All heavy atoms as atom14 arrays in JSON, in Angstrom:
{
  "sequence": "VRDKGNENAVKNLLLIANMIEDRLHVNNQDTPTENGIAWMRHQRRAT",
  "atom14_mask": [
    [1, 1, 1, 1, 1, 1, 1, 0, 0, 0, 0, 0, 0, 0],
    [1, 1, 1, 1, 1, 1, 1, 1, 1, 1, 1, 0, 0, 0],
    [1, 1, 1, 1, 1, 1, 1, 1, 0, 0, 0, 0, 0, 0],
    [1, 1, 1, 1, 1, 1, 1, 1, 1, 0, 0, 0, 0, 0],
    [1, 1, 1, 1, 0, 0, 0, 0, 0, 0, 0, 0, 0, 0],
    [1, 1, 1, 1, 1, 1, 1, 1, 0, 0, 0, 0, 0, 0],
    [1, 1, 1, 1, 1, 1, 1, 1, 1, 0, 0, 0, 0, 0],
    [1, 1, 1, 1, 1, 1, 1, 1, 0, 0, 0, 0, 0, 0],
    [1, 1, 1, 1, 1, 0, 0, 0, 0, 0, 0, 0, 0, 0],
    [1, 1, 1, 1, 1, 1, 1, 0, 0, 0, 0, 0, 0, 0],
    [1, 1, 1, 1, 1, 1, 1, 1, 1, 0, 0, 0, 0, 0],
    [1, 1, 1, 1, 1, 1, 1, 1, 0, 0, 0, 0, 0, 0],
    [1, 1, 1, 1, 1, 1, 1, 1, 0, 0, 0, 0, 0, 0],
    [1, 1, 1, 1, 1, 1, 1, 1, 0, 0, 0, 0, 0, 0],
    [1, 1, 1, 1, 1, 1, 1, 1, 0, 0, 0, 0, 0, 0],
    [1, 1, 1, 1, 1, 1, 1, 1, 0, 0, 0, 0, 0, 0],
    [1, 1, 1, 1, 1, 0, 0, 0, 0, 0, 0, 0, 0, 0],
    [1, 1, 1, 1, 1, 1, 1, 1, 0, 0, 0, 0, 0, 0],
    [1, 1, 1, 1, 1, 1, 1, 1, 0, 0, 0, 0, 0, 0],
    [1, 1, 1, 1, 1, 1, 1, 1, 0, 0, 0, 0, 0, 0],
    [1, 1, 1, 1, 1, 1, 1, 1, 1, 0, 0, 0, 0, 0],
    [1, 1, 1, 1, 1, 1, 1, 1, 0, 0, 0, 0, 0, 0],
    [1, 1, 1, 1, 1, 1, 1, 1, 1, 1, 1, 0, 0, 0],
    [1, 1, 1, 1, 1, 1, 1, 1, 0, 0, 0, 0, 0, 0],
    [1, 1, 1, 1, 1, 1, 1, 1, 1, 1, 0, 0, 0, 0],
    [1, 1, 1, 1, 1, 1, 1, 0, 0, 0, 0, 0, 0, 0],
    [1, 1, 1, 1, 1, 1, 1, 1, 0, 0, 0, 0, 0, 0],
    [1, 1, 1, 1, 1, 1, 1, 1, 0, 0, 0, 0, 0, 0],
    [1, 1, 1, 1, 1, 1, 1, 1, 1, 0, 0, 0, 0, 0],
    [1, 1, 1, 1, 1, 1, 1, 1, 0, 0, 0, 0, 0, 0],
    [1, 1, 1, 1, 1, 1, 1, 0, 0, 0, 0, 0, 0, 0],
    [1, 1, 1, 1, 1, 1, 1, 0, 0, 0, 0, 0, 0, 0],
    [1, 1, 1, 1, 1, 1, 1, 0, 0, 0, 0, 0, 0, 0],
    [1, 1, 1, 1, 1, 1, 1, 1, 1, 0, 0, 0, 0, 0],
    [1, 1, 1, 1, 1, 1, 1, 1, 0, 0, 0, 0, 0, 0],
    [1, 1, 1, 1, 0, 0, 0, 0, 0, 0, 0, 0, 0, 0],
    [1, 1, 1, 1, 1, 1, 1, 1, 0, 0, 0, 0, 0, 0],
    [1, 1, 1, 1, 1, 0, 0, 0, 0, 0, 0, 0, 0, 0],
    [1, 1, 1, 1, 1, 1, 1, 1, 1, 1, 1, 1, 1, 1],
    [1, 1, 1, 1, 1, 1, 1, 1, 0, 0, 0, 0, 0, 0],
    [1, 1, 1, 1, 1, 1, 1, 1, 1, 1, 1, 0, 0, 0],
    [1, 1, 1, 1, 1, 1, 1, 1, 1, 1, 0, 0, 0, 0],
    [1, 1, 1, 1, 1, 1, 1, 1, 1, 0, 0, 0, 0, 0],
    [1, 1, 1, 1, 1, 1, 1, 1, 1, 1, 1, 0, 0, 0],
    [1, 1, 1, 1, 1, 1, 1, 1, 1, 1, 1, 0, 0, 0],
    [1, 1, 1, 1, 1, 0, 0, 0, 0, 0, 0, 0, 0, 0],
    [1, 1, 1, 1, 1, 1, 1, 0, 0, 0, 0, 0, 0, 0]
  ],
  "atom14_positions": [
    [[11.04, 7.67, 17.08], [10.66, 8.27, 18.35], [11.81, 8.16, 19.35], [12.06, 9.06, 20.15], [9.39, 7.6, 18.91], [9.12, 8.02, 20.35], [8.19, 7.95, 18.04], [0.0, 0.0, 0.0], [0.0, 0.0, 0.0], [0.0, 0.0, 0.0], [0.0, 0.0, 0.0], [0.0, 0.0, 0.0], [0.0, 0.0, 0.0], [0.0, 0.0, 0.0]],
    [[12.55, 7.04, 19.25], [13.7, 6.81, 20.15], [15.0, 7.35, 19.56], [16.08, 6.91, 19.91], [13.82, 5.31, 20.43], [12.56, 4.71, 21.04], [12.63, 3.2, 21.07], [11.33, 2.61, 21.35], [10.81, 2.49, 22.58], [11.48, 2.92, 23.62], [9.61, 1.95, 22.74], [0.0, 0.0, 0.0], [0.0, 0.0, 0.0], [0.0, 0.0, 0.0]],
    [[14.85, 8.25, 18.58], [15.98, 8.95, 17.95], [16.86, 8.0, 17.14], [18.08, 8.16, 17.07], [16.83, 9.68, 19.01], [17.59, 10.84, 18.4], [17.15, 11.36, 17.36], [18.64, 11.22, 18.95], [0.0, 0.0, 0.0], [0.0, 0.0, 0.0], [0.0, 0.0, 0.0], [0.0, 0.0, 0.0], [0.0, 0.0, 0.0], [0.0, 0.0, 0.0]],
    [[16.23, 7.01, 16.53], [16.96, 6.11, 15.62], [16.29, 6.23, 14.25], [16.18, 7.31, 13.72], [16.93, 4.68, 16.14], [17.65, 4.49, 17.49], [17.53, 3.06, 17.97], [18.14, 2.89, 19.36], [17.97, 1.51, 19.86], [0.0, 0.0, 0.0], [0.0, 0.0, 0.0], [0.0, 0.0, 0.0], [0.0, 0.0, 0.0], [0.0, 0.0, 0.0]],
    [[15.86, 5.15, 13.67], [15.12, 5.21, 12.4], [16.02, 5.27, 11.18], [17.19, 5.64, 11.26], [0.0, 0.0, 0.0], [0.0, 0.0, 0.0], [0.0, 0.0, 0.0], [0.0, 0.0, 0.0], [0.0, 0.0, 0.0], [0.0, 0.0, 0.0], [0.0, 0.0, 0.0], [0.0, 0.0, 0.0], [0.0, 0.0, 0.0], [0.0, 0.0, 0.0]],
    [[15.43, 4.91, 10.05], [16.16, 4.85, 8.78], [15.27, 5.48, 7.71], [14.26, 4.9, 7.31], [16.49, 3.39, 8.43], [17.38, 3.25, 7.21], [17.21, 3.98, 6.23], [18.29, 2.3, 7.25], [0.0, 0.0, 0.0], [0.0, 0.0, 0.0], [0.0, 0.0, 0.0], [0.0, 0.0, 0.0], [0.0, 0.0, 0.0], [0.0, 0.0, 0.0]],
    [[15.64, 6.69, 7.25], [14.8, 7.43, 6.3], [14.59, 6.66, 5.0], [13.47, 6.6, 4.47], [15.43, 8.79, 5.99], [14.58, 9.64, 5.06], [15.26, 10.91, 4.62], [16.45, 11.1, 4.95], [14.61, 11.72, 3.92], [0.0, 0.0, 0.0], [0.0, 0.0, 0.0], [0.0, 0.0, 0.0], [0.0, 0.0, 0.0], [0.0, 0.0, 0.0]],
    [[15.65, 6.05, 4.47], [15.53, 5.28, 3.23], [14.59, 4.1, 3.4], [13.87, 3.73, 2.47], [16.9, 4.8, 2.76], [17.61, 5.82, 1.89], [17.06, 6.29, 0.91], [18.81, 6.21, 2.29], [0.0, 0.0, 0.0], [0.0, 0.0, 0.0], [0.0, 0.0, 0.0], [0.0, 0.0, 0.0], [0.0, 0.0, 0.0], [0.0, 0.0, 0.0]],
    [[14.6, 3.5, 4.59], [13.72, 2.35, 4.85], [12.26, 2.77, 4.75], [11.44, 2.08, 4.12], [14.01, 1.75, 6.22], [0.0, 0.0, 0.0], [0.0, 0.0, 0.0], [0.0, 0.0, 0.0], [0.0, 0.0, 0.0], [0.0, 0.0, 0.0], [0.0, 0.0, 0.0], [0.0, 0.0, 0.0], [0.0, 0.0, 0.0], [0.0, 0.0, 0.0]],
    [[11.9, 3.9, 5.35], [10.51, 4.37, 5.32], [10.09, 4.71, 3.9], [8.98, 4.39, 3.47], [10.33, 5.59, 6.25], [8.96, 6.22, 6.06], [10.51, 5.16, 7.69], [0.0, 0.0, 0.0], [0.0, 0.0, 0.0], [0.0, 0.0, 0.0], [0.0, 0.0, 0.0], [0.0, 0.0, 0.0], [0.0, 0.0, 0.0], [0.0, 0.0, 0.0]],
    [[10.97, 5.37, 3.16], [10.64, 5.72, 1.77], [10.45, 4.45, 0.94], [9.55, 4.38, 0.11], [11.75, 6.6, 1.19], [11.81, 8.0, 1.8], [12.85, 8.86, 1.13], [12.99, 10.21, 1.83], [11.77, 11.02, 1.82], [0.0, 0.0, 0.0], [0.0, 0.0, 0.0], [0.0, 0.0, 0.0], [0.0, 0.0, 0.0], [0.0, 0.0, 0.0]],
    [[11.31, 3.47, 1.14], [11.18, 2.2, 0.42], [9.87, 1.51, 0.76], [9.19, 0.97, -0.12], [12.35, 1.27, 0.77], [13.51, 1.43, -0.16], [13.57, 0.82, -1.23], [14.47, 2.27, 0.21], [0.0, 0.0, 0.0], [0.0, 0.0, 0.0], [0.0, 0.0, 0.0], [0.0, 0.0, 0.0], [0.0, 0.0, 0.0], [0.0, 0.0, 0.0]],
    [[9.5, 1.53, 2.03], [8.26, 0.87, 2.45], [7.05, 1.54, 1.83], [6.09, 0.87, 1.42], [8.16, 0.88, 3.98], [9.15, -0.06, 4.69], [9.24, 0.28, 6.18], [8.76, -1.52, 4.5], [0.0, 0.0, 0.0], [0.0, 0.0, 0.0], [0.0, 0.0, 0.0], [0.0, 0.0, 0.0], [0.0, 0.0, 0.0], [0.0, 0.0, 0.0]],
    [[7.08, 2.87, 1.72], [5.98, 3.58, 1.06], [5.9, 3.18, -0.42], [4.81, 2.93, -0.94], [6.18, 5.09, 1.17], [5.1, 5.93, 0.48], [3.79, 5.87, 1.24], [5.56, 7.37, 0.29], [0.0, 0.0, 0.0], [0.0, 0.0, 0.0], [0.0, 0.0, 0.0], [0.0, 0.0, 0.0], [0.0, 0.0, 0.0], [0.0, 0.0, 0.0]],
    [[7.06, 3.12, -1.09], [7.08, 2.73, -2.51], [6.62, 1.29, -2.69], [5.88, 0.98, -3.63], [8.49, 2.9, -3.07], [9.05, 4.33, -3.09], [10.49, 4.33, -3.61], [8.19, 5.25, -3.95], [0.0, 0.0, 0.0], [0.0, 0.0, 0.0], [0.0, 0.0, 0.0], [0.0, 0.0, 0.0], [0.0, 0.0, 0.0], [0.0, 0.0, 0.0]],
    [[7.02, 0.41, -1.78], [6.61, -1.0, -1.86], [5.1, -1.12, -1.66], [4.43, -1.88, -2.37], [7.37, -1.84, -0.81], [8.85, -1.98, -1.22], [6.74, -3.22, -0.64], [9.74, -2.53, -0.14], [0.0, 0.0, 0.0], [0.0, 0.0, 0.0], [0.0, 0.0, 0.0], [0.0, 0.0, 0.0], [0.0, 0.0, 0.0], [0.0, 0.0, 0.0]],
    [[4.55, -0.36, -0.71], [3.1, -0.37, -0.49], [2.38, 0.05, -1.77], [1.34, -0.52, -2.13], [2.74, 0.56, 0.66], [0.0, 0.0, 0.0], [0.0, 0.0, 0.0], [0.0, 0.0, 0.0], [0.0, 0.0, 0.0], [0.0, 0.0, 0.0], [0.0, 0.0, 0.0], [0.0, 0.0, 0.0], [0.0, 0.0, 0.0], [0.0, 0.0, 0.0]],
    [[2.93, 1.05, -2.44], [2.35, 1.52, -3.7], [2.37, 0.42, -4.76], [1.39, 0.22, -5.49], [3.17, 2.72, -4.19], [2.62, 3.34, -5.45], [1.69, 4.13, -5.42], [3.18, 2.97, -6.59], [0.0, 0.0, 0.0], [0.0, 0.0, 0.0], [0.0, 0.0, 0.0], [0.0, 0.0, 0.0], [0.0, 0.0, 0.0], [0.0, 0.0, 0.0]],
    [[3.48, -0.33, -4.84], [3.61, -1.4, -5.82], [2.65, -2.56, -5.5], [2.08, -3.16, -6.41], [5.05, -1.93, -5.86], [6.11, -0.87, -6.17], [5.78, 0.06, -7.68], [5.89, -1.25, -8.87], [0.0, 0.0, 0.0], [0.0, 0.0, 0.0], [0.0, 0.0, 0.0], [0.0, 0.0, 0.0], [0.0, 0.0, 0.0], [0.0, 0.0, 0.0]],
    [[2.47, -2.84, -4.21], [1.53, -3.91, -3.81], [0.11, -3.55, -4.25], [-0.62, -4.38, -4.81], [1.58, -4.13, -2.28], [2.94, -4.69, -1.87], [0.46, -5.1, -1.85], [3.15, -4.71, -0.36], [0.0, 0.0, 0.0], [0.0, 0.0, 0.0], [0.0, 0.0, 0.0], [0.0, 0.0, 0.0], [0.0, 0.0, 0.0], [0.0, 0.0, 0.0]],
    [[-0.27, -2.3, -4.01], [-1.62, -1.87, -4.39], [-1.82, -1.94, -5.89], [-2.86, -2.39, -6.38], [-1.85, -0.43, -3.9], [-3.26, 0.03, -4.17], [-3.52, 1.44, -3.67], [-2.76, 1.92, -2.82], [-4.49, 2.05, -4.16], [0.0, 0.0, 0.0], [0.0, 0.0, 0.0], [0.0, 0.0, 0.0], [0.0, 0.0, 0.0], [0.0, 0.0, 0.0]],
    [[-0.81, -1.5, -6.65], [-0.9, -1.58, -8.12], [-1.09, -3.02, -8.58], [-1.88, -3.29, -9.48], [0.37, -1.0, -8.76], [0.4, 0.52, -8.71], [-0.63, 1.12, -8.34], [1.45, 1.12, -9.02], [0.0, 0.0, 0.0], [0.0, 0.0, 0.0], [0.0, 0.0, 0.0], [0.0, 0.0, 0.0], [0.0, 0.0, 0.0], [0.0, 0.0, 0.0]],
    [[-0.35, -3.94, -7.97], [-0.45, -5.35, -8.35], [-1.83, -5.9, -8.0], [-2.41, -6.68, -8.76], [0.66, -6.15, -7.65], [0.76, -7.63, -7.99], [0.76, -7.93, -9.46], [1.64, -7.08, -10.24], [1.65, -7.02, -11.55], [0.8, -7.78, -12.24], [2.47, -6.22, -12.19], [0.0, 0.0, 0.0], [0.0, 0.0, 0.0], [0.0, 0.0, 0.0]],
    [[-2.38, -5.51, -6.86], [-3.72, -5.95, -6.48], [-4.76, -5.44, -7.48], [-5.68, -6.17, -7.87], [-4.07, -5.45, -5.07], [-3.49, -6.27, -3.9], [-3.62, -5.5, -2.6], [-4.21, -7.62, -3.78], [0.0, 0.0, 0.0], [0.0, 0.0, 0.0], [0.0, 0.0, 0.0], [0.0, 0.0, 0.0], [0.0, 0.0, 0.0], [0.0, 0.0, 0.0]],
    [[-4.6, -4.2, -7.92], [-5.53, -3.64, -8.91], [-5.45, -4.41, -10.22], [-6.48, -4.73, -10.84], [-5.2, -2.16, -9.16], [-5.78, -1.23, -8.15], [-7.13, -1.15, -7.91], [-5.2, -0.32, -7.32], [-7.36, -0.25, -6.96], [-6.21, 0.28, -6.59], [0.0, 0.0, 0.0], [0.0, 0.0, 0.0], [0.0, 0.0, 0.0], [0.0, 0.0, 0.0]],
    [[-4.24, -4.71, -10.67], [-4.06, -5.43, -11.94], [-4.66, -6.83, -11.85], [-5.38, -7.27, -12.75], [-2.55, -5.51, -12.31], [-2.34, -6.47, -13.48], [-2.02, -4.13, -12.67], [0.0, 0.0, 0.0], [0.0, 0.0, 0.0], [0.0, 0.0, 0.0], [0.0, 0.0, 0.0], [0.0, 0.0, 0.0], [0.0, 0.0, 0.0], [0.0, 0.0, 0.0]],
    [[-4.36, -7.54, -10.76], [-4.85, -8.91, -10.61], [-6.37, -8.99, -10.55], [-6.97, -9.97, -11.0], [-4.26, -9.54, -9.35], [-2.79, -9.87, -9.5], [-2.21, -9.76, -10.59], [-2.15, -10.26, -8.41], [0.0, 0.0, 0.0], [0.0, 0.0, 0.0], [0.0, 0.0, 0.0], [0.0, 0.0, 0.0], [0.0, 0.0, 0.0], [0.0, 0.0, 0.0]],
    [[-6.99, -7.97, -9.94], [-8.43, -8.02, -9.7], [-9.24, -7.11, -10.61], [-10.42, -6.84, -10.33], [-8.72, -7.66, -8.23], [-8.16, -8.67, -7.26], [-8.76, -9.7, -6.99], [-6.99, -8.38, -6.73], [0.0, 0.0, 0.0], [0.0, 0.0, 0.0], [0.0, 0.0, 0.0], [0.0, 0.0, 0.0], [0.0, 0.0, 0.0], [0.0, 0.0, 0.0]],
    [[-8.63, -6.65, -11.71], [-9.33, -5.68, -12.56], [-10.59, -6.27, -13.21], [-11.54, -5.54, -13.51], [-8.38, -5.16, -13.65], [-7.8, -6.23, -14.56], [-6.74, -5.67, -15.5], [-6.73, -4.48, -15.78], [-5.85, -6.51, -15.97], [0.0, 0.0, 0.0], [0.0, 0.0, 0.0], [0.0, 0.0, 0.0], [0.0, 0.0, 0.0], [0.0, 0.0, 0.0]],
    [[-10.61, -7.59, -13.43], [-11.79, -8.2, -14.04], [-12.88, -8.53, -13.02], [-14.05, -8.66, -13.37], [-11.4, -9.48, -14.78], [-10.53, -9.19, -16.0], [-10.69, -8.1, -16.59], [-9.68, -10.04, -16.34], [0.0, 0.0, 0.0], [0.0, 0.0, 0.0], [0.0, 0.0, 0.0], [0.0, 0.0, 0.0], [0.0, 0.0, 0.0], [0.0, 0.0, 0.0]],
    [[-12.46, -8.68, -11.75], [-13.43, -9.05, -10.71], [-13.24, -8.19, -9.45], [-12.99, -8.72, -8.36], [-13.28, -10.54, -10.33], [-11.89, -10.78, -9.97], [-13.68, -11.45, -11.47], [0.0, 0.0, 0.0], [0.0, 0.0, 0.0], [0.0, 0.0, 0.0], [0.0, 0.0, 0.0], [0.0, 0.0, 0.0], [0.0, 0.0, 0.0], [0.0, 0.0, 0.0]],
    [[-13.31, -6.86, -9.59], [-13.12, -6.01, -8.39], [-14.3, -6.14, -7.43], [-15.44, -6.35, -7.85], [-13.05, -4.6, -8.99], [-13.85, -4.68, -10.26], [-13.64, -6.07, -10.79], [0.0, 0.0, 0.0], [0.0, 0.0, 0.0], [0.0, 0.0, 0.0], [0.0, 0.0, 0.0], [0.0, 0.0, 0.0], [0.0, 0.0, 0.0], [0.0, 0.0, 0.0]],
    [[-14.01, -6.03, -6.14], [-15.06, -6.08, -5.12], [-15.03, -4.78, -4.31], [-13.97, -4.17, -4.15], [-14.87, -7.26, -4.16], [-13.62, -7.1, -3.46], [-14.85, -8.59, -4.91], [0.0, 0.0, 0.0], [0.0, 0.0, 0.0], [0.0, 0.0, 0.0], [0.0, 0.0, 0.0], [0.0, 0.0, 0.0], [0.0, 0.0, 0.0], [0.0, 0.0, 0.0]],
    [[-16.19, -4.37, -3.81], [-16.27, -3.13, -3.03], [-15.41, -3.23, -1.78], [-14.75, -2.28, -1.39], [-17.73, -2.84, -2.66], [-18.58, -2.37, -3.83], [-19.97, -1.95, -3.39], [-20.17, -1.75, -2.17], [-20.84, -1.81, -4.25], [0.0, 0.0, 0.0], [0.0, 0.0, 0.0], [0.0, 0.0, 0.0], [0.0, 0.0, 0.0], [0.0, 0.0, 0.0]],
    [[-15.44, -4.4, -1.13], [-14.64, -4.6, 0.08], [-13.14, -4.5, -0.22], [-12.39, -3.9, 0.54], [-14.94, -5.97, 0.71], [-16.05, -5.88, 1.74], [-16.75, -4.88, 1.8], [-16.19, -6.92, 2.54], [0.0, 0.0, 0.0], [0.0, 0.0, 0.0], [0.0, 0.0, 0.0], [0.0, 0.0, 0.0], [0.0, 0.0, 0.0], [0.0, 0.0, 0.0]],
    [[-12.73, -5.12, -1.34], [-11.32, -5.09, -1.71], [-10.84, -3.68, -1.99], [-9.75, -3.27, -1.55], [0.0, 0.0, 0.0], [0.0, 0.0, 0.0], [0.0, 0.0, 0.0], [0.0, 0.0, 0.0], [0.0, 0.0, 0.0], [0.0, 0.0, 0.0], [0.0, 0.0, 0.0], [0.0, 0.0, 0.0], [0.0, 0.0, 0.0], [0.0, 0.0, 0.0]],
    [[-11.64, -2.92, -2.72], [-11.28, -1.53, -3.05], [-11.22, -0.68, -1.78], [-10.3, 0.11, -1.59], [-12.29, -0.94, -4.06], [-12.17, -1.67, -5.41], [-12.07, 0.55, -4.24], [-13.29, -1.34, -6.39], [0.0, 0.0, 0.0], [0.0, 0.0, 0.0], [0.0, 0.0, 0.0], [0.0, 0.0, 0.0], [0.0, 0.0, 0.0], [0.0, 0.0, 0.0]],
    [[-12.2, -0.86, -0.91], [-12.24, -0.1, 0.35], [-11.05, -0.46, 1.24], [-10.45, 0.42, 1.88], [-13.55, -0.37, 1.08], [0.0, 0.0, 0.0], [0.0, 0.0, 0.0], [0.0, 0.0, 0.0], [0.0, 0.0, 0.0], [0.0, 0.0, 0.0], [0.0, 0.0, 0.0], [0.0, 0.0, 0.0], [0.0, 0.0, 0.0], [0.0, 0.0, 0.0]],
    [[-10.72, -1.76, 1.31], [-9.58, -2.21, 2.12], [-8.28, -1.55, 1.63], [-7.49, -1.06, 2.43], [-9.46, -3.74, 2.05], [-8.38, -4.3, 2.94], [-8.49, -4.65, 4.26], [-7.02, -4.58, 2.57], [-7.29, -5.13, 4.72], [-6.38, -5.1, 3.71], [-6.3, -4.45, 1.39], [-5.04, -5.48, 3.7], [-4.95, -4.83, 1.38], [-4.34, -5.34, 2.52]],
    [[-8.07, -1.54, 0.31], [-6.87, -0.91, -0.25], [-6.83, 0.58, 0.04], [-5.76, 1.15, 0.3], [-6.78, -1.18, -1.75], [-6.32, -2.57, -2.12], [-5.99, -2.76, -3.88], [-7.64, -3.0, -4.51], [0.0, 0.0, 0.0], [0.0, 0.0, 0.0], [0.0, 0.0, 0.0], [0.0, 0.0, 0.0], [0.0, 0.0, 0.0], [0.0, 0.0, 0.0]],
    [[-8.0, 1.23, 0.0], [-8.05, 2.66, 0.28], [-7.62, 2.94, 1.72], [-6.83, 3.86, 1.98], [-9.45, 3.2, 0.02], [-9.57, 4.7, 0.23], [-10.88, 5.27, -0.26], [-12.02, 4.66, 0.41], [-12.9, 3.85, -0.17], [-12.77, 3.55, -1.45], [-13.92, 3.34, 0.51], [0.0, 0.0, 0.0], [0.0, 0.0, 0.0], [0.0, 0.0, 0.0]],
    [[-8.12, 2.12, 2.67], [-7.72, 2.28, 4.07], [-6.21, 2.05, 4.24], [-5.53, 2.82, 4.94], [-8.49, 1.29, 4.95], [-9.91, 1.68, 5.21], [-10.27, 2.89, 5.76], [-11.08, 1.02, 4.98], [-11.59, 2.96, 5.88], [-12.1, 1.83, 5.41], [0.0, 0.0, 0.0], [0.0, 0.0, 0.0], [0.0, 0.0, 0.0], [0.0, 0.0, 0.0]],
    [[-5.7, 1.0, 3.62], [-4.28, 0.67, 3.75], [-3.41, 1.78, 3.16], [-2.39, 2.17, 3.74], [-3.98, -0.65, 3.05], [-4.58, -1.88, 3.69], [-3.88, -2.3, 4.96], [-4.3, -1.94, 6.06], [-2.81, -3.04, 4.85], [0.0, 0.0, 0.0], [0.0, 0.0, 0.0], [0.0, 0.0, 0.0], [0.0, 0.0, 0.0], [0.0, 0.0, 0.0]],
    [[-3.83, 2.28, 2.01], [-3.04, 3.33, 1.35], [-3.01, 4.6, 2.2], [-1.96, 5.22, 2.35], [-3.63, 3.63, -0.03], [-2.88, 4.75, -0.75], [-3.25, 4.85, -2.2], [-2.44, 5.84, -2.88], [-2.04, 5.74, -4.14], [-2.35, 4.67, -4.84], [-1.31, 6.69, -4.69], [0.0, 0.0, 0.0], [0.0, 0.0, 0.0], [0.0, 0.0, 0.0]],
    [[-4.14, 4.97, 2.72], [-4.18, 6.17, 3.55], [-3.37, 5.99, 4.83], [-2.75, 6.94, 5.32], [-5.63, 6.53, 3.87], [-6.39, 7.05, 2.65], [-7.81, 7.46, 2.98], [-8.45, 8.06, 1.81], [-9.67, 8.57, 1.81], [-10.39, 8.55, 2.93], [-10.18, 9.1, 0.71], [0.0, 0.0, 0.0], [0.0, 0.0, 0.0], [0.0, 0.0, 0.0]],
    [[-3.37, 4.76, 5.36], [-2.57, 4.48, 6.56], [-1.08, 4.65, 6.26], [-0.35, 5.28, 7.04], [-2.85, 3.06, 7.06], [0.0, 0.0, 0.0], [0.0, 0.0, 0.0], [0.0, 0.0, 0.0], [0.0, 0.0, 0.0], [0.0, 0.0, 0.0], [0.0, 0.0, 0.0], [0.0, 0.0, 0.0], [0.0, 0.0, 0.0], [0.0, 0.0, 0.0]],
    [[-0.61, 4.09, 5.13], [0.83, 4.18, 4.81], [1.23, 5.63, 4.51], [2.32, 6.07, 4.92], [1.18, 3.3, 3.59], [0.33, 3.63, 2.49], [1.03, 1.83, 3.93], [0.0, 0.0, 0.0], [0.0, 0.0, 0.0], [0.0, 0.0, 0.0], [0.0, 0.0, 0.0], [0.0, 0.0, 0.0], [0.0, 0.0, 0.0], [0.0, 0.0, 0.0]]
  ]
}
Protein backbone atom coordinates (compact mmCIF):
# COMPACT_ATOMS: atom_id res chain seq x y z
CA VAL A 1 0.00 0.00 0.00
CA ARG A 2 2.96 2.28 0.77
CA ASP A 3 4.49 1.37 -2.62
CA LYS A 4 7.01 -1.09 -1.19
CA GLY A 5 6.38 -4.83 -0.75
CA ASN A 6 8.15 -7.96 -1.93
CA GLU A 7 6.32 -10.15 -4.49
CA ASN A 8 8.47 -13.23 -3.82
CA ALA A 9 7.81 -12.88 -0.09
CA VAL A 10 4.03 -12.98 -0.57
CA LYS A 11 4.25 -15.97 -2.92
CA ASN A 12 6.48 -17.79 -0.42
CA LEU A 13 4.08 -17.05 2.42
CA LEU A 14 1.18 -18.48 0.41
CA LEU A 15 3.19 -21.64 -0.35
CA ILE A 16 4.24 -21.95 3.31
CA ALA A 17 0.60 -21.61 4.43
CA ASN A 18 -0.24 -24.43 2.03
CA MET A 19 2.52 -26.63 3.50
CA ILE A 20 1.37 -25.91 7.08
CA GLU A 21 -2.18 -26.97 6.22
CA ASP A 22 -0.95 -30.16 4.55
CA ARG A 23 1.09 -31.03 7.64
CA LEU A 24 -1.90 -30.40 9.92
CA HIS A 25 -4.02 -32.72 7.76
CA VAL A 26 -1.37 -35.48 7.88
CA ASN A 27 -0.84 -35.20 11.64
CA ASN A 28 -4.57 -35.24 12.42
CA GLN A 29 -5.80 -37.69 9.78
CA ASP A 30 -6.63 -40.33 12.42
CA THR A 31 -8.35 -37.90 14.79
CA PRO A 32 -9.82 -35.03 12.73
CA THR A 33 -12.14 -32.57 14.50
CA GLU A 34 -14.86 -30.39 12.99
CA ASN A 35 -13.38 -27.31 14.67
CA GLY A 36 -9.90 -28.07 13.35
CA ILE A 37 -11.12 -28.57 9.79
CA ALA A 38 -13.23 -25.39 9.93
CA TRP A 39 -10.32 -23.38 11.39
CA MET A 40 -8.02 -24.50 8.54
CA ARG A 41 -10.69 -23.63 5.98
CA HIS A 42 -10.97 -20.07 7.38
CA GLN A 43 -7.18 -19.67 7.47
CA ARG A 44 -6.75 -20.99 3.94
CA ARG A 45 -9.39 -18.69 2.53
CA ALA A 46 -7.82 -15.75 4.38
CA THR A 47 -4.36 -16.42 2.89
